[in-house]
């Protein structure tokens, strides 16, 4: 249990019920389902951050239009 931290949290009732239902559908414990949901959300946020970084490197549309008109 070296990399595992014991934690206690409070959840709104409807979120707890949703988590229990998801865990049943996936044949997991509620705790295991919570870990899956958190990891999934973390991956989504990390992907969004990477995409935002890529978007800032890309030329904007007005720049593309200028490049096209200069070549005409």
N, C-alpha and C. Protein backbone atom coordinates (compact mmCIF):
# COMPACT_ATOMS: atom_id res chain seq x y z
N UNK A 1 0.83 -1.20 0.00
CA UNK A 1 0.00 0.00 0.00
C UNK A 1 0.87 1.26 0.00
N UNK A 2 2.07 1.19 -0.49
CA UNK A 2 2.98 2.31 -0.46
C UNK A 2 2.52 3.52 -1.25
N UNK A 3 1.92 3.30 -2.42
CA UNK A 3 1.49 4.42 -3.27
C UNK A 3 0.02 4.76 -3.09
N UNK A 4 -0.61 4.17 -2.12
CA UNK A 4 -2.03 4.40 -1.86
C UNK A 4 -2.18 5.26 -0.62
N UNK A 5 -3.04 6.28 -0.74
CA UNK A 5 -3.32 7.16 0.39
C UNK A 5 -4.78 6.94 0.80
N UNK A 6 -4.98 6.69 2.05
CA UNK A 6 -6.35 6.51 2.55
C UNK A 6 -6.98 7.89 2.68
N UNK A 7 -8.21 8.03 2.18
CA UNK A 7 -8.88 9.32 2.19
C UNK A 7 -10.35 9.14 2.50
N UNK A 8 -10.91 10.15 3.07
CA UNK A 8 -12.34 10.15 3.33
C UNK A 8 -12.90 11.45 2.74
N UNK A 9 -13.96 11.33 1.97
CA UNK A 9 -14.55 12.54 1.40
C UNK A 9 -16.07 12.49 1.55
N UNK A 10 -16.67 13.65 1.47
CA UNK A 10 -18.13 13.76 1.53
C UNK A 10 -18.63 14.06 0.14
N UNK A 11 -19.66 13.34 -0.29
CA UNK A 11 -20.25 13.53 -1.61
C UNK A 11 -21.72 13.91 -1.48
N UNK A 12 -22.20 14.74 -2.37
CA UNK A 12 -23.65 14.97 -2.40
C UNK A 12 -24.35 13.63 -2.68
N UNK A 13 -25.51 13.44 -2.11
CA UNK A 13 -26.23 12.17 -2.22
C UNK A 13 -26.41 11.73 -3.67
N UNK A 14 -26.80 12.66 -4.55
CA UNK A 14 -27.05 12.26 -5.94
C UNK A 14 -25.76 11.82 -6.65
N UNK A 15 -24.64 12.42 -6.29
CA UNK A 15 -23.37 12.01 -6.88
C UNK A 15 -22.96 10.63 -6.35
N UNK A 16 -23.20 10.39 -5.08
CA UNK A 16 -22.91 9.09 -4.49
C UNK A 16 -23.74 8.00 -5.15
N UNK A 17 -25.02 8.27 -5.36
CA UNK A 17 -25.90 7.29 -6.01
C UNK A 17 -25.46 7.03 -7.44
N UNK A 18 -25.06 8.08 -8.16
CA UNK A 18 -24.58 7.93 -9.53
C UNK A 18 -23.32 7.06 -9.54
N UNK A 19 -22.40 7.33 -8.59
CA UNK A 19 -21.16 6.58 -8.51
C UNK A 19 -21.42 5.10 -8.21
N UNK A 20 -22.33 4.83 -7.32
CA UNK A 20 -22.69 3.44 -6.99
C UNK A 20 -23.26 2.74 -8.22
N UNK A 21 -24.13 3.44 -8.94
CA UNK A 21 -24.74 2.85 -10.14
C UNK A 21 -23.68 2.58 -11.22
N UNK A 22 -22.78 3.53 -11.43
CA UNK A 22 -21.69 3.33 -12.40
C UNK A 22 -20.82 2.15 -11.99
N UNK A 23 -20.52 2.04 -10.71
CA UNK A 23 -19.70 0.94 -10.21
C UNK A 23 -20.38 -0.40 -10.47
N UNK A 24 -21.69 -0.48 -10.25
CA UNK A 24 -22.43 -1.72 -10.52
C UNK A 24 -22.37 -2.07 -12.00
N UNK A 25 -22.55 -1.07 -12.87
CA UNK A 25 -22.52 -1.31 -14.31
C UNK A 25 -21.15 -1.82 -14.77
N UNK A 26 -20.10 -1.36 -14.13
CA UNK A 26 -18.74 -1.71 -14.52
C UNK A 26 -18.17 -2.86 -13.67
N UNK A 27 -18.98 -3.41 -12.78
CA UNK A 27 -18.58 -4.51 -11.89
C UNK A 27 -17.33 -4.14 -11.08
N UNK A 28 -17.38 -2.95 -10.48
CA UNK A 28 -16.29 -2.46 -9.63
C UNK A 28 -16.85 -2.05 -8.28
N UNK A 29 -15.95 -1.87 -7.34
CA UNK A 29 -16.36 -1.28 -6.07
C UNK A 29 -16.56 0.22 -6.29
N UNK A 30 -17.25 0.84 -5.38
CA UNK A 30 -17.45 2.29 -5.49
C UNK A 30 -16.10 3.01 -5.45
N UNK A 31 -15.20 2.56 -4.61
CA UNK A 31 -13.89 3.17 -4.51
C UNK A 31 -13.12 3.04 -5.83
N UNK A 32 -13.12 1.84 -6.42
CA UNK A 32 -12.43 1.63 -7.69
C UNK A 32 -13.04 2.49 -8.79
N UNK A 33 -14.36 2.64 -8.77
CA UNK A 33 -15.02 3.47 -9.78
C UNK A 33 -14.65 4.94 -9.61
N UNK A 34 -14.55 5.38 -8.38
CA UNK A 34 -14.15 6.76 -8.12
C UNK A 34 -12.74 7.02 -8.67
N UNK A 35 -11.84 6.07 -8.50
CA UNK A 35 -10.48 6.21 -9.02
C UNK A 35 -10.53 6.29 -10.55
N UNK A 36 -11.32 5.42 -11.18
CA UNK A 36 -11.44 5.44 -12.65
C UNK A 36 -11.98 6.78 -13.13
N UNK A 37 -13.02 7.27 -12.49
CA UNK A 37 -13.64 8.54 -12.90
C UNK A 37 -12.65 9.70 -12.74
N UNK A 38 -11.92 9.72 -11.65
CA UNK A 38 -10.94 10.79 -11.43
C UNK A 38 -9.80 10.72 -12.44
N UNK A 39 -9.30 9.52 -12.71
CA UNK A 39 -8.23 9.38 -13.70
C UNK A 39 -8.70 9.79 -15.09
N UNK A 40 -9.94 9.43 -15.42
CA UNK A 40 -10.50 9.81 -16.71
C UNK A 40 -10.59 11.33 -16.84
N UNK A 41 -11.08 11.98 -15.81
CA UNK A 41 -11.20 13.44 -15.84
C UNK A 41 -9.82 14.10 -15.90
N UNK A 42 -8.86 13.57 -15.16
CA UNK A 42 -7.52 14.12 -15.19
C UNK A 42 -6.94 14.02 -16.60
N UNK A 43 -7.12 12.88 -17.26
CA UNK A 43 -6.63 12.70 -18.62
C UNK A 43 -7.29 13.68 -19.57
N UNK A 44 -8.60 13.91 -19.41
CA UNK A 44 -9.31 14.89 -20.24
C UNK A 44 -8.72 16.28 -20.06
N UNK A 45 -8.47 16.67 -18.83
CA UNK A 45 -7.90 18.00 -18.56
C UNK A 45 -6.49 18.12 -19.12
N UNK A 46 -5.70 17.07 -19.00
CA UNK A 46 -4.35 17.10 -19.55
C UNK A 46 -4.38 17.19 -21.07
N UNK A 47 -5.32 16.48 -21.71
CA UNK A 47 -5.47 16.55 -23.16
C UNK A 47 -5.88 17.95 -23.59
N UNK A 48 -6.80 18.56 -22.84
CA UNK A 48 -7.23 19.93 -23.15
C UNK A 48 -6.06 20.90 -23.05
N UNK A 49 -5.22 20.72 -22.03
CA UNK A 49 -4.07 21.60 -21.85
C UNK A 49 -3.09 21.45 -23.01
N UNK A 50 -2.87 20.23 -23.46
CA UNK A 50 -1.98 19.98 -24.59
C UNK A 50 -2.57 20.61 -25.84
N UNK A 51 -3.87 20.42 -26.06
CA UNK A 51 -4.52 20.99 -27.25
C UNK A 51 -4.45 22.51 -27.23
N UNK A 52 -4.64 23.13 -26.08
CA UNK A 52 -4.55 24.58 -25.99
C UNK A 52 -3.14 25.05 -26.31
N UNK A 53 -2.14 24.29 -25.88
CA UNK A 53 -0.76 24.63 -26.18
C UNK A 53 -0.48 24.53 -27.66
N UNK A 54 -1.04 23.53 -28.31
CA UNK A 54 -0.86 23.38 -29.76
C UNK A 54 -1.57 24.51 -30.50
N UNK A 55 -2.74 24.87 -30.02
CA UNK A 55 -3.51 25.92 -30.68
C UNK A 55 -2.78 27.27 -30.61
N UNK A 56 -2.06 27.52 -29.55
CA UNK A 56 -1.36 28.80 -29.42
C UNK A 56 -0.18 28.87 -30.38
N UNK A 57 0.34 27.72 -30.81
CA UNK A 57 1.46 27.69 -31.76
C UNK A 57 0.98 27.82 -33.21
N UNK A 58 -0.28 27.51 -33.44
CA UNK A 58 -0.82 27.52 -34.80
C UNK A 58 -1.08 28.95 -35.25
N UNK A 59 -0.89 29.25 -36.54
CA UNK A 59 -1.20 30.60 -37.03
C UNK A 59 -2.69 30.86 -36.97
N UNK A 60 -3.05 32.10 -36.77
CA UNK A 60 -4.46 32.46 -36.71
C UNK A 60 -5.00 32.60 -38.12
N UNK A 61 -6.30 32.61 -38.25
CA UNK A 61 -6.92 32.72 -39.57
C UNK A 61 -6.53 34.00 -40.32
N UNK A 62 -6.52 35.17 -39.69
CA UNK A 62 -6.11 36.36 -40.42
C UNK A 62 -4.70 36.23 -40.99
N UNK A 63 -3.80 35.58 -40.25
CA UNK A 63 -2.44 35.40 -40.75
C UNK A 63 -2.45 34.51 -41.99
N UNK A 64 -3.29 33.49 -41.97
CA UNK A 64 -3.38 32.61 -43.13
C UNK A 64 -3.91 33.37 -44.33
N UNK A 65 -4.90 34.22 -44.12
CA UNK A 65 -5.47 34.99 -45.22
C UNK A 65 -4.42 35.92 -45.83
N UNK A 66 -3.61 36.56 -44.98
CA UNK A 66 -2.56 37.45 -45.46
C UNK A 66 -1.55 36.69 -46.31
N UNK A 67 -1.21 35.48 -45.85
CA UNK A 67 -0.23 34.69 -46.59
C UNK A 67 -0.79 34.31 -47.96
N UNK A 68 -2.07 33.98 -48.03
CA UNK A 68 -2.70 33.61 -49.30
C UNK A 68 -2.75 34.81 -50.22
N UNK A 69 -3.15 36.02 -49.71
CA UNK A 69 -3.24 37.17 -50.58
C UNK A 69 -1.88 37.66 -51.06
N UNK A 70 -0.85 37.47 -50.25
CA UNK A 70 0.48 37.89 -50.67
C UNK A 70 0.97 37.01 -51.83
N UNK A 71 0.54 35.76 -51.85
CA UNK A 71 0.99 34.86 -52.90
C UNK A 71 0.27 35.05 -54.21
N UNK A 72 -0.85 35.76 -54.23
CA UNK A 72 -1.64 35.96 -55.46
C UNK A 72 -1.01 36.90 -56.43
